[in-house]
Amino acid sequence: MINVVERINELMRLKKWTAYELSNQTGISTNTIYDWNKIGATPTMHSIISICDAMDISLEQFFCGGEYRYSDEENAVLAKWVGLTDAEKVAVLNLMKTFNLSKSRL
C-alpha cells in the first residue's frame, strides 16, 4: 500500500517545491503539510486532489506512481538544454546554483 505522505514528499522533490510552495499552489496551510510529516497526520482526499491539480497529475498517477509529466514550460527548457554545449550546461547549472543561494539568504 502506498504511503501517501512519502508520495507527496517524492512529488515535491521532483518539482523542487518546498512545503511553502506546495501551500501556495494548493491553498493547504504549511502547518498542515508539516503535520503530515511530524505527527503522522493523514492528508484528506480533498488535499490529495488539490495536490494532484497543482502538480498537473491524475489521481491514478499519484496512487500508482505513474510517470511524472513535465509541463510545457519544463519541456521547452529541456528541449533547449539538449542543444547546449558542455560549457554552456556548466554555466547554466552554476547560474541555477546562484539562484538557490540567493533564495536561501532571503
PDB file of N, CA and C in Angstrom:
ATOM      1  N   MET A   1       0.836  -1.182   0.000  1.00  0.00           N
ATOM      2  CA  MET A   1       0.000   0.000   0.000  1.00  0.00           C
ATOM      3  C   MET A   1       0.884   1.250   0.000  1.00  0.00           C
ATOM      4  N   ILE A   2       0.454   2.261  -0.702  1.00  0.00           N
ATOM      5  CA  ILE A   2       1.236   3.487  -0.842  1.00  0.00           C
ATOM      6  C   ILE A   2       1.207   4.304   0.453  1.00  0.00           C
ATOM      7  N   ASN A   3       2.362   4.863   0.794  1.00  0.00           N
ATOM      8  CA  ASN A   3       2.430   5.819   1.892  1.00  0.00           C
ATOM      9  C   ASN A   3       2.180   7.190   1.273  1.00  0.00           C
ATOM     10  N   VAL A   4       1.030   7.759   1.550  1.00  0.00           N
ATOM     11  CA  VAL A   4       0.593   8.997   0.916  1.00  0.00           C
ATOM     12  C   VAL A   4       1.545  10.151   1.197  1.00  0.00           C
ATOM     13  N   VAL A   5       1.990  10.268   2.423  1.00  0.00           N
ATOM     14  CA  VAL A   5       2.891  11.373   2.785  1.00  0.00           C
ATOM     15  C   VAL A   5       4.224  11.223   2.063  1.00  0.00           C
ATOM     16  N   GLU A   6       4.753  10.009   1.996  1.00  0.00           N
ATOM     17  CA  GLU A   6       6.004   9.789   1.258  1.00  0.00           C
ATOM     18  C   GLU A   6       5.830  10.126  -0.216  1.00  0.00           C
ATOM     19  N   ARG A   7       4.666   9.789  -0.779  1.00  0.00           N
ATOM     20  CA  ARG A   7       4.403  10.094  -2.188  1.00  0.00           C
ATOM     21  C   ARG A   7       4.354  11.606  -2.399  1.00  0.00           C
ATOM     22  N   ILE A   8       3.720  12.326  -1.491  1.00  0.00           N
ATOM     23  CA  ILE A   8       3.670  13.785  -1.600  1.00  0.00           C
ATOM     24  C   ILE A   8       5.087  14.360  -1.533  1.00  0.00           C
ATOM     25  N   ASN A   9       5.883  13.862  -0.606  1.00  0.00           N
ATOM     26  CA  ASN A   9       7.269  14.332  -0.489  1.00  0.00           C
ATOM     27  C   ASN A   9       8.071  14.014  -1.744  1.00  0.00           C
ATOM     28  N   GLU A  10       7.850  12.843  -2.325  1.00  0.00           N
ATOM     29  CA  GLU A  10       8.532  12.479  -3.572  1.00  0.00           C
ATOM     30  C   GLU A  10       8.159  13.439  -4.693  1.00  0.00           C
ATOM     31  N   LEU A  11       6.881  13.742  -4.820  1.00  0.00           N
ATOM     32  CA  LEU A  11       6.439  14.667  -5.865  1.00  0.00           C
ATOM     33  C   LEU A  11       6.971  16.077  -5.625  1.00  0.00           C
ATOM     34  N   MET A  12       7.044  16.478  -4.359  1.00  0.00           N
ATOM     35  CA  MET A  12       7.615  17.785  -4.043  1.00  0.00           C
ATOM     36  C   MET A  12       9.085  17.838  -4.446  1.00  0.00           C
ATOM     37  N   ARG A  13       9.818  16.754  -4.193  1.00  0.00           N
ATOM     38  CA  ARG A  13      11.233  16.712  -4.599  1.00  0.00           C
ATOM     39  C   ARG A  13      11.360  16.810  -6.114  1.00  0.00           C
ATOM     40  N   LEU A  14      10.496  16.098  -6.839  1.00  0.00           N
ATOM     41  CA  LEU A  14      10.539  16.142  -8.300  1.00  0.00           C
ATOM     42  C   LEU A  14      10.285  17.543  -8.837  1.00  0.00           C
ATOM     43  N   LYS A  15       9.352  18.243  -8.202  1.00  0.00           N
ATOM     44  CA  LYS A  15       9.024  19.604  -8.627  1.00  0.00           C
ATOM     45  C   LYS A  15       9.955  20.647  -8.014  1.00  0.00           C
ATOM     46  N   LYS A  16      10.803  20.176  -7.059  1.00  0.00           N
ATOM     47  CA  LYS A  16      11.675  21.087  -6.314  1.00  0.00           C
ATOM     48  C   LYS A  16      10.849  22.134  -5.558  1.00  0.00           C
ATOM     49  N   TRP A  17       9.751  21.666  -4.961  1.00  0.00           N
ATOM     50  CA  TRP A  17       8.860  22.513  -4.177  1.00  0.00           C
ATOM     51  C   TRP A  17       9.117  22.315  -2.695  1.00  0.00           C
ATOM     52  N   THR A  18       9.054  23.385  -1.967  1.00  0.00           N
ATOM     53  CA  THR A  18       9.078  23.335  -0.509  1.00  0.00           C
ATOM     54  C   THR A  18       7.631  23.208  -0.021  1.00  0.00           C
ATOM     55  N   ALA A  19       7.473  23.015   1.268  1.00  0.00           N
ATOM     56  CA  ALA A  19       6.127  22.992   1.853  1.00  0.00           C
ATOM     57  C   ALA A  19       5.439  24.338   1.607  1.00  0.00           C
ATOM     58  N   TYR A  20       6.206  25.394   1.666  1.00  0.00           N
ATOM     59  CA  TYR A  20       5.661  26.726   1.421  1.00  0.00           C
ATOM     60  C   TYR A  20       5.113  26.839  -0.004  1.00  0.00           C
ATOM     61  N   GLU A  21       5.871  26.336  -0.976  1.00  0.00           N
ATOM     62  CA  GLU A  21       5.426  26.386  -2.377  1.00  0.00           C
ATOM     63  C   GLU A  21       4.190  25.516  -2.576  1.00  0.00           C
ATOM     64  N   LEU A  22       4.196  24.316  -1.984  1.00  0.00           N
ATOM     65  CA  LEU A  22       3.023  23.444  -2.082  1.00  0.00           C
ATOM     66  C   LEU A  22       1.804  24.147  -1.497  1.00  0.00           C
ATOM     67  N   SER A  23       1.991  24.815  -0.384  1.00  0.00           N
ATOM     68  CA  SER A  23       0.903  25.562   0.243  1.00  0.00           C
ATOM     69  C   SER A  23       0.382  26.652  -0.693  1.00  0.00           C
ATOM     70  N   ASN A  24       1.283  27.400  -1.302  1.00  0.00           N
ATOM     71  CA  ASN A  24       0.880  28.462  -2.228  1.00  0.00           C
ATOM     72  C   ASN A  24       0.115  27.912  -3.421  1.00  0.00           C
ATOM     73  N   GLN A  25       0.521  26.763  -3.914  1.00  0.00           N
ATOM     74  CA  GLN A  25      -0.088  26.182  -5.110  1.00  0.00           C
ATOM     75  C   GLN A  25      -1.431  25.503  -4.820  1.00  0.00           C
ATOM     76  N   THR A  26      -1.652  25.072  -3.576  1.00  0.00           N
ATOM     77  CA  THR A  26      -2.835  24.274  -3.253  1.00  0.00           C
ATOM     78  C   THR A  26      -3.813  24.947  -2.294  1.00  0.00           C
ATOM     79  N   GLY A  27      -3.335  25.920  -1.526  1.00  0.00           N
ATOM     80  CA  GLY A  27      -4.179  26.518  -0.505  1.00  0.00           C
ATOM     81  C   GLY A  27      -4.192  25.733   0.806  1.00  0.00           C
ATOM     82  N   ILE A  28      -3.428  24.654   0.867  1.00  0.00           N
ATOM     83  CA  ILE A  28      -3.291  23.867   2.092  1.00  0.00           C
ATOM     84  C   ILE A  28      -2.278  24.591   2.974  1.00  0.00           C
ATOM     85  N   SER A  29      -2.593  24.767   4.247  1.00  0.00           N
ATOM     86  CA  SER A  29      -1.683  25.522   5.108  1.00  0.00           C
ATOM     87  C   SER A  29      -0.344  24.790   5.269  1.00  0.00           C
ATOM     88  N   THR A  30       0.708  25.565   5.432  1.00  0.00           N
ATOM     89  CA  THR A  30       2.029  24.953   5.644  1.00  0.00           C
ATOM     90  C   THR A  30       2.036  24.148   6.937  1.00  0.00           C
ATOM     91  N   ASN A  31       1.308  24.598   7.944  1.00  0.00           N
ATOM     92  CA  ASN A  31       1.239  23.838   9.199  1.00  0.00           C
ATOM     93  C   ASN A  31       0.648  22.453   8.968  1.00  0.00           C
ATOM     94  N   THR A  32      -0.373  22.377   8.142  1.00  0.00           N
ATOM     95  CA  THR A  32      -0.976  21.077   7.828  1.00  0.00           C
ATOM     96  C   THR A  32       0.040  20.189   7.127  1.00  0.00           C
ATOM     97  N   ILE A  33       0.759  20.746   6.173  1.00  0.00           N
ATOM     98  CA  ILE A  33       1.761  19.975   5.427  1.00  0.00           C
ATOM     99  C   ILE A  33       2.852  19.485   6.372  1.00  0.00           C
ATOM    100  N   TYR A  34       3.313  20.358   7.271  1.00  0.00           N
ATOM    101  CA  TYR A  34       4.321  19.945   8.249  1.00  0.00           C
ATOM    102  C   TYR A  34       3.784  18.864   9.179  1.00  0.00           C
ATOM    103  N   ASP A  35       2.512  18.976   9.565  1.00  0.00           N
ATOM    104  CA  ASP A  35       1.913  17.973  10.452  1.00  0.00           C
ATOM    105  C   ASP A  35       1.903  16.586   9.821  1.00  0.00           C
ATOM    106  N   TRP A  36       1.720  16.513   8.517  1.00  0.00           N
ATOM    107  CA  TRP A  36       1.739  15.206   7.850  1.00  0.00           C
ATOM    108  C   TRP A  36       3.052  14.492   8.137  1.00  0.00           C
ATOM    109  N   ASN A  37       4.136  15.236   8.154  1.00  0.00           N
ATOM    110  CA  ASN A  37       5.450  14.642   8.378  1.00  0.00           C
ATOM    111  C   ASN A  37       5.794  14.497   9.856  1.00  0.00           C
ATOM    112  N   LYS A  38       5.417  15.494  10.650  1.00  0.00           N
ATOM    113  CA  LYS A  38       5.805  15.499  12.068  1.00  0.00           C
ATOM    114  C   LYS A  38       4.996  14.530  12.910  1.00  0.00           C
ATOM    115  N   ILE A  39       3.669  14.625  12.820  1.00  0.00           N
ATOM    116  CA  ILE A  39       2.838  13.848  13.735  1.00  0.00           C
ATOM    117  C   ILE A  39       2.104  12.707  13.049  1.00  0.00           C
ATOM    118  N   GLY A  40       2.413  12.498  11.791  1.00  0.00           N
ATOM    119  CA  GLY A  40       1.818  11.376  11.079  1.00  0.00           C
ATOM    120  C   GLY A  40       0.364  11.573  10.708  1.00  0.00           C
ATOM    121  N   ALA A  41      -0.084  12.819  10.638  1.00  0.00           N
ATOM    122  CA  ALA A  41      -1.455  13.083  10.196  1.00  0.00           C
ATOM    123  C   ALA A  41      -1.602  12.614   8.744  1.00  0.00           C
ATOM    124  N   THR A  42      -2.797  12.237   8.381  1.00  0.00           N
ATOM    125  CA  THR A  42      -3.051  11.735   7.034  1.00  0.00           C
ATOM    126  C   THR A  42      -3.765  12.799   6.210  1.00  0.00           C
ATOM    127  N   PRO A  43      -3.258  13.088   5.019  1.00  0.00           N
ATOM    128  CA  PRO A  43      -3.932  14.069   4.162  1.00  0.00           C
ATOM    129  C   PRO A  43      -5.335  13.583   3.784  1.00  0.00           C
ATOM    130  N   THR A  44      -6.247  14.509   3.689  1.00  0.00           N
ATOM    131  CA  THR A  44      -7.600  14.178   3.248  1.00  0.00           C
ATOM    132  C   THR A  44      -7.597  13.961   1.736  1.00  0.00           C
ATOM    133  N   MET A  45      -8.641  13.320   1.242  1.00  0.00           N
ATOM    134  CA  MET A  45      -8.759  13.133  -0.205  1.00  0.00           C
ATOM    135  C   MET A  45      -8.850  14.482  -0.905  1.00  0.00           C
ATOM    136  N   HIS A  46      -9.521  15.436  -0.270  1.00  0.00           N
ATOM    137  CA  HIS A  46      -9.600  16.788  -0.840  1.00  0.00           C
ATOM    138  C   HIS A  46      -8.195  17.386  -1.000  1.00  0.00           C
ATOM    139  N   SER A  47      -7.337  17.196  -0.005  1.00  0.00           N
ATOM    140  CA  SER A  47      -5.957  17.697  -0.085  1.00  0.00           C
ATOM    141  C   SER A  47      -5.194  17.005  -1.197  1.00  0.00           C
ATOM    142  N   ILE A  48      -5.369  15.702  -1.309  1.00  0.00           N
ATOM    143  CA  ILE A  48      -4.667  14.939  -2.352  1.00  0.00           C
ATOM    144  C   ILE A  48      -5.110  15.407  -3.738  1.00  0.00           C
ATOM    145  N   ILE A  49      -6.400  15.642  -3.904  1.00  0.00           N
ATOM    146  CA  ILE A  49      -6.903  16.137  -5.195  1.00  0.00           C
ATOM    147  C   ILE A  49      -6.319  17.516  -5.488  1.00  0.00           C
ATOM    148  N   SER A  50      -6.246  18.383  -4.481  1.00  0.00           N
ATOM    149  CA  SER A  50      -5.650  19.719  -4.671  1.00  0.00           C
ATOM    150  C   SER A  50      -4.186  19.608  -5.084  1.00  0.00           C
ATOM    151  N   ILE A  51      -3.470  18.675  -4.477  1.00  0.00           N
ATOM    152  CA  ILE A  51      -2.058  18.468  -4.809  1.00  0.00           C
ATOM    153  C   ILE A  51      -1.928  17.966  -6.248  1.00  0.00           C
ATOM    154  N   CYS A  52      -2.765  17.016  -6.621  1.00  0.00           N
ATOM    155  CA  CYS A  52      -2.726  16.497  -7.991  1.00  0.00           C
ATOM    156  C   CYS A  52      -3.010  17.604  -8.999  1.00  0.00           C
ATOM    157  N   ASP A  53      -4.012  18.434  -8.709  1.00  0.00           N
ATOM    158  CA  ASP A  53      -4.332  19.547  -9.607  1.00  0.00           C
ATOM    159  C   ASP A  53      -3.151  20.505  -9.733  1.00  0.00           C
ATOM    160  N   ALA A  54      -2.543  20.845  -8.607  1.00  0.00           N
ATOM    161  CA  ALA A  54      -1.420  21.789  -8.616  1.00  0.00           C
ATOM    162  C   ALA A  54      -0.214  21.216  -9.355  1.00  0.00           C
ATOM    163  N   MET A  55      -0.019  19.908  -9.250  1.00  0.00           N
ATOM    164  CA  MET A  55       1.141  19.267  -9.871  1.00  0.00           C
ATOM    165  C   MET A  55       0.840  18.730 -11.267  1.00  0.00           C
ATOM    166  N   ASP A  56      -0.394  18.954 -11.712  1.00  0.00           N
ATOM    167  CA  ASP A  56      -0.819  18.539 -13.047  1.00  0.00           C
ATOM    168  C   ASP A  56      -0.631  17.029 -13.264  1.00  0.00           C
ATOM    169  N   ILE A  57      -1.078  16.264 -12.276  1.00  0.00           N
ATOM    170  CA  ILE A  57      -1.065  14.814 -12.400  1.00  0.00           C
ATOM    171  C   ILE A  57      -2.447  14.281 -12.043  1.00  0.00           C
ATOM    172  N   SER A  58      -2.743  13.073 -12.492  1.00  0.00           N
ATOM    173  CA  SER A  58      -4.024  12.458 -12.180  1.00  0.00           C
ATOM    174  C   SER A  58      -3.937  11.733 -10.838  1.00  0.00           C
ATOM    175  N   LEU A  59      -5.094  11.400 -10.283  1.00  0.00           N
ATOM    176  CA  LEU A  59      -5.108  10.588  -9.062  1.00  0.00           C
ATOM    177  C   LEU A  59      -4.451   9.241  -9.323  1.00  0.00           C
ATOM    178  N   GLU A  60      -4.658   8.704 -10.513  1.00  0.00           N
ATOM    179  CA  GLU A  60      -4.015   7.437 -10.864  1.00  0.00           C
ATOM    180  C   GLU A  60      -2.497   7.568 -10.806  1.00  0.00           C
ATOM    181  N   GLN A  61      -1.967   8.650 -11.352  1.00  0.00           N
ATOM    182  CA  GLN A  61      -0.523   8.855 -11.304  1.00  0.00           C
ATOM    183  C   GLN A  61      -0.052   9.031  -9.868  1.00  0.00           C
ATOM    184  N   PHE A  62      -0.858   9.684  -9.052  1.00  0.00           N
ATOM    185  CA  PHE A  62      -0.485   9.865  -7.648  1.00  0.00           C
ATOM    186  C   PHE A  62      -0.405   8.512  -6.944  1.00  0.00           C
ATOM    187  N   PHE A  63      -1.469   7.718  -7.055  1.00  0.00           N
ATOM    188  CA  PHE A  63      -1.542   6.480  -6.289  1.00  0.00           C
ATOM    189  C   PHE A  63      -0.786   5.315  -6.926  1.00  0.00           C
ATOM    190  N   CYS A  64      -0.654   5.325  -8.236  1.00  0.00           N
ATOM    191  CA  CYS A  64       0.013   4.197  -8.905  1.00  0.00           C
ATOM    192  C   CYS A  64       1.444   4.525  -9.300  1.00  0.00           C
ATOM    193  N   GLY A  65       1.873   5.724  -8.971  1.00  0.00           N
ATOM    194  CA  GLY A  65       3.251   6.092  -9.270  1.00  0.00           C
ATOM    195  C   GLY A  65       3.506   6.308 -10.744  1.00  0.00           C
ATOM    196  N   GLY A  66       2.449   6.709 -11.447  1.00  0.00           N
ATOM    197  CA  GLY A  66       2.608   6.966 -12.874  1.00  0.00           C
ATOM    198  C   GLY A  66       3.716   7.959 -13.138  1.00  0.00           C
ATOM    199  N   GLU A  67       4.257   7.871 -14.297  1.00  0.00           N
ATOM    200  CA  GLU A  67       5.389   8.713 -14.659  1.00  0.00           C
ATOM    201  C   GLU A  67       5.024  10.190 -14.583  1.00  0.00           C
ATOM    202  N   TYR A  68       5.946  10.982 -14.074  1.00  0.00           N
ATOM    203  CA  TYR A  68       5.754  12.419 -13.943  1.00  0.00           C
ATOM    204  C   TYR A  68       5.684  13.050 -15.325  1.00  0.00           C
ATOM    205  N   ARG A  69       4.711  13.928 -15.540  1.00  0.00           N
ATOM    206  CA  ARG A  69       4.593  14.647 -16.807  1.00  0.00           C
ATOM    207  C   ARG A  69       5.161  16.039 -16.641  1.00  0.00           C
ATOM    208  N   TYR A  70       6.040  16.406 -17.540  1.00  0.00           N
ATOM    209  CA  TYR A  70       6.593  17.747 -17.494  1.00  0.00           C
ATOM    210  C   TYR A  70       5.598  18.731 -18.085  1.00  0.00           C
ATOM    211  N   SER A  71       5.605  19.944 -17.559  1.00  0.00           N
ATOM    212  CA  SER A  71       4.758  21.000 -18.102  1.00  0.00           C
ATOM    213  C   SER A  71       5.335  21.444 -19.444  1.00  0.00           C
ATOM    214  N   ASP A  72       4.562  22.210 -20.191  1.00  0.00           N
ATOM    215  CA  ASP A  72       5.044  22.737 -21.470  1.00  0.00           C
ATOM    216  C   ASP A  72       6.301  23.586 -21.263  1.00  0.00           C
ATOM    217  N   GLU A  73       6.304  24.361 -20.187  1.00  0.00           N
ATOM    218  CA  GLU A  73       7.462  25.203 -19.887  1.00  0.00           C
ATOM    219  C   GLU A  73       8.698  24.345 -19.610  1.00  0.00           C
ATOM    220  N   GLU A  74       8.519  23.277 -18.803  1.00  0.00           N
ATOM    221  CA  GLU A  74       9.641  22.387 -18.499  1.00  0.00           C
ATOM    222  C   GLU A  74      10.137  21.679 -19.762  1.00  0.00           C
ATOM    223  N   ASN A  75       9.218  21.255 -20.615  1.00  0.00           N
ATOM    224  CA  ASN A  75       9.617  20.621 -21.873  1.00  0.00           C
ATOM    225  C   ASN A  75      10.398  21.573 -22.769  1.00  0.00           C
ATOM    226  N   ALA A  76      10.004  22.847 -22.772  1.00  0.00           N
ATOM    227  CA  ALA A  76      10.717  23.843 -23.575  1.00  0.00           C
ATOM    228  C   ALA A  76      12.145  24.017 -23.067  1.00  0.00           C
ATOM    229  N   VAL A  77      12.312  24.035 -21.752  1.00  0.00           N
ATOM    230  CA  VAL A  77      13.649  24.160 -21.170  1.00  0.00           C
ATOM    231  C   VAL A  77      14.491  22.930 -21.524  1.00  0.00           C
ATOM    232  N   LEU A  78      13.902  21.745 -21.399  1.00  0.00           N
ATOM    233  CA  LEU A  78      14.637  20.521 -21.725  1.00  0.00           C
ATOM    234  C   LEU A  78      15.036  20.480 -23.200  1.00  0.00           C
ATOM    235  N   ALA A  79      14.150  20.954 -24.062  1.00  0.00           N
ATOM    236  CA  ALA A  79      14.454  20.972 -25.492  1.00  0.00           C
ATOM    237  C   ALA A  79      15.654  21.880 -25.781  1.00  0.00           C
ATOM    238  N   LYS A  80      15.725  22.998 -25.083  1.00  0.00           N
ATOM    239  CA  LYS A  80      16.869  23.906 -25.272  1.00  0.00           C
ATOM    240  C   LYS A  80      18.130  23.326 -24.635  1.00  0.00           C
ATOM    241  N   TRP A  81      17.970  22.638 -23.507  1.00  0.00           N
ATOM    242  CA  TRP A  81      19.107  22.063 -22.782  1.00  0.00           C
ATOM    243  C   TRP A  81      19.906  21.113 -23.669  1.00  0.00           C
ATOM    244  N   VAL A  82      19.232  20.253 -24.411  1.00  0.00           N
ATOM    245  CA  VAL A  82      19.944  19.244 -25.205  1.00  0.00           C
ATOM    246  C   VAL A  82      20.788  19.875 -26.307  1.00  0.00           C
ATOM    247  N   GLY A  83      20.470  21.101 -26.686  1.00  0.00           N
ATOM    248  CA  GLY A  83      21.247  21.772 -27.725  1.00  0.00           C
ATOM    249  C   GLY A  83      22.434  22.564 -27.212  1.00  0.00           C
ATOM    250  N   LEU A  84      22.608  22.605 -25.898  1.00  0.00           N
ATOM    251  CA  LEU A  84      23.715  23.362 -25.320  1.00  0.00           C
ATOM    252  C   LEU A  84      25.023  22.575 -25.374  1.00  0.00           C
ATOM    253  N   THR A  85      26.119  23.287 -25.448  1.00  0.00           N
ATOM    254  CA  THR A  85      27.435  22.647 -25.344  1.00  0.00           C
ATOM    255  C   THR A  85      27.675  22.297 -23.876  1.00  0.00           C
ATOM    256  N   ASP A  86      28.686  21.480 -23.614  1.00  0.00           N
ATOM    257  CA  ASP A  86      29.013  21.131 -22.231  1.00  0.00           C
ATOM    258  C   ASP A  86      29.337  22.377 -21.410  1.00  0.00           C
ATOM    259  N   ALA A  87      30.069  23.310 -22.003  1.00  0.00           N
ATOM    260  CA  ALA A  87      30.429  24.544 -21.287  1.00  0.00           C
ATOM    261  C   ALA A  87      29.183  25.371 -20.972  1.00  0.00           C
ATOM    262  N   GLU A  88      28.252  25.428 -21.912  1.00  0.00           N
ATOM    263  CA  GLU A  88      27.016  26.172 -21.680  1.00  0.00           C
ATOM    264  C   GLU A  88      26.182  25.516 -20.572  1.00  0.00           C
ATOM    265  N   LYS A  89      26.155  24.191 -20.546  1.00  0.00           N
ATOM    266  CA  LYS A  89      25.420  23.484 -19.496  1.00  0.00           C
ATOM    267  C   LYS A  89      26.011  23.783 -18.122  1.00  0.00           C
ATOM    268  N   VAL A  90      27.338  23.808 -18.045  1.00  0.00           N
ATOM    269  CA  VAL A  90      28.001  24.133 -16.777  1.00  0.00           C
ATOM    270  C   VAL A  90      27.624  25.548 -16.352  1.00  0.00           C
ATOM    271  N   ALA A  91      27.614  26.470 -17.303  1.00  0.00           N
ATOM    272  CA  ALA A  91      27.267  27.858 -16.990  1.00  0.00           C
ATOM    273  C   ALA A  91      25.833  27.966 -16.480  1.00  0.00           C
ATOM    274  N   VAL A  92      24.907  27.248 -17.114  1.00  0.00           N
ATOM    275  CA  VAL A  92      23.507  27.273 -16.683  1.00  0.00           C
ATOM    276  C   VAL A  92      23.372  26.686 -15.278  1.00  0.00           C
ATOM    277  N   LEU A  93      24.032  25.560 -15.025  1.00  0.00           N
ATOM    278  CA  LEU A  93      23.967  24.935 -13.700  1.00  0.00           C
ATOM    279  C   LEU A  93      24.540  25.854 -12.626  1.00  0.00           C
ATOM    280  N   ASN A  94      25.632  26.547 -12.952  1.00  0.00           N
ATOM    281  CA  ASN A  94      26.211  27.494 -11.997  1.00  0.00           C
ATOM    282  C   ASN A  94      25.251  28.649 -11.720  1.00  0.00           C
ATOM    283  N   LEU A  95      24.576  29.114 -12.747  1.00  0.00           N
ATOM    284  CA  LEU A  95      23.592  30.180 -12.580  1.00  0.00           C
ATOM    285  C   LEU A  95      22.443  29.703 -11.687  1.00  0.00           C
ATOM    286  N   MET A  96      21.998  28.471 -11.882  1.00  0.00           N
ATOM    287  CA  MET A  96      20.928  27.920 -11.048  1.00  0.00           C
ATOM    288  C   MET A  96      21.370  27.806  -9.593  1.00  0.00           C
ATOM    289  N   LYS A  97      22.620  27.418  -9.376  1.00  0.00           N
ATOM    290  CA  LYS A  97      23.145  27.357  -8.005  1.00  0.00           C
ATOM    291  C   LYS A  97      23.121  28.743  -7.371  1.00  0.00           C
ATOM    292  N   THR A  98      23.464  29.747  -8.147  1.00  0.00           N
ATOM    293  CA  THR A  98      23.445  31.125  -7.653  1.00  0.00           C
ATOM    294  C   THR A  98      22.031  31.526  -7.246  1.00  0.00           C
ATOM    295  N   PHE A  99      21.021  31.154  -8.066  1.00  0.00           N
ATOM    296  CA  PHE A  99      19.636  31.446  -7.721  1.00  0.00           C
ATOM    297  C   PHE A  99      19.266  30.775  -6.397  1.00  0.00           C
ATOM    298  N   ASN A 100      19.662  29.525  -6.226  1.00  0.00           N
ATOM    299  CA  ASN A 100      19.348  28.804  -4.994  1.00  0.00           C
ATOM    300  C   ASN A 100      20.015  29.442  -3.789  1.00  0.00           C
ATOM    301  N   LEU A 101      21.258  29.897  -3.958  1.00  0.00           N
ATOM    302  CA  LEU A 101      21.946  30.579  -2.859  1.00  0.00           C
ATOM    303  C   LEU A 101      21.215  31.868  -2.498  1.00  0.00           C
ATOM    304  N   SER A 102      20.764  32.593  -3.504  1.00  0.00           N
ATOM    305  CA  SER A 102      20.048  33.854  -3.259  1.00  0.00           C
ATOM    306  C   SER A 102      18.764  33.592  -2.487  1.00  0.00           C
ATOM    307  N   LYS A 103      18.042  32.524  -2.844  1.00  0.00           N
ATOM    308  CA  LYS A 103      16.783  32.204  -2.165  1.00  0.00           C
ATOM    309  C   LYS A 103      17.015  31.854  -0.709  1.00  0.00           C
ATOM    310  N   SER A 104      18.096  31.110  -0.452  1.00  0.00           N
ATOM    311  CA  SER A 104      18.336  30.668   0.913  1.00  0.00           C
ATOM    312  C   SER A 104      18.715  31.817   1.841  1.00  0.00           C
ATOM    313  N   ARG A 105      19.130  32.922   1.283  1.00  0.00           N
ATOM    314  CA  ARG A 105      19.518  34.081   2.094  1.00  0.00           C
ATOM    315  C   ARG A 105      18.338  34.992   2.404  1.00  0.00           C
ATOM    316  N   LEU A 106      17.212  34.752   1.761  1.00  0.00           N
ATOM    317  CA  LEU A 106      16.036  35.615   1.979  1.00  0.00           C
ATOM    318  C   LEU A 106      15.352  35.318   3.266  1.00  0.00           C
TER     319      LEU A 106
END
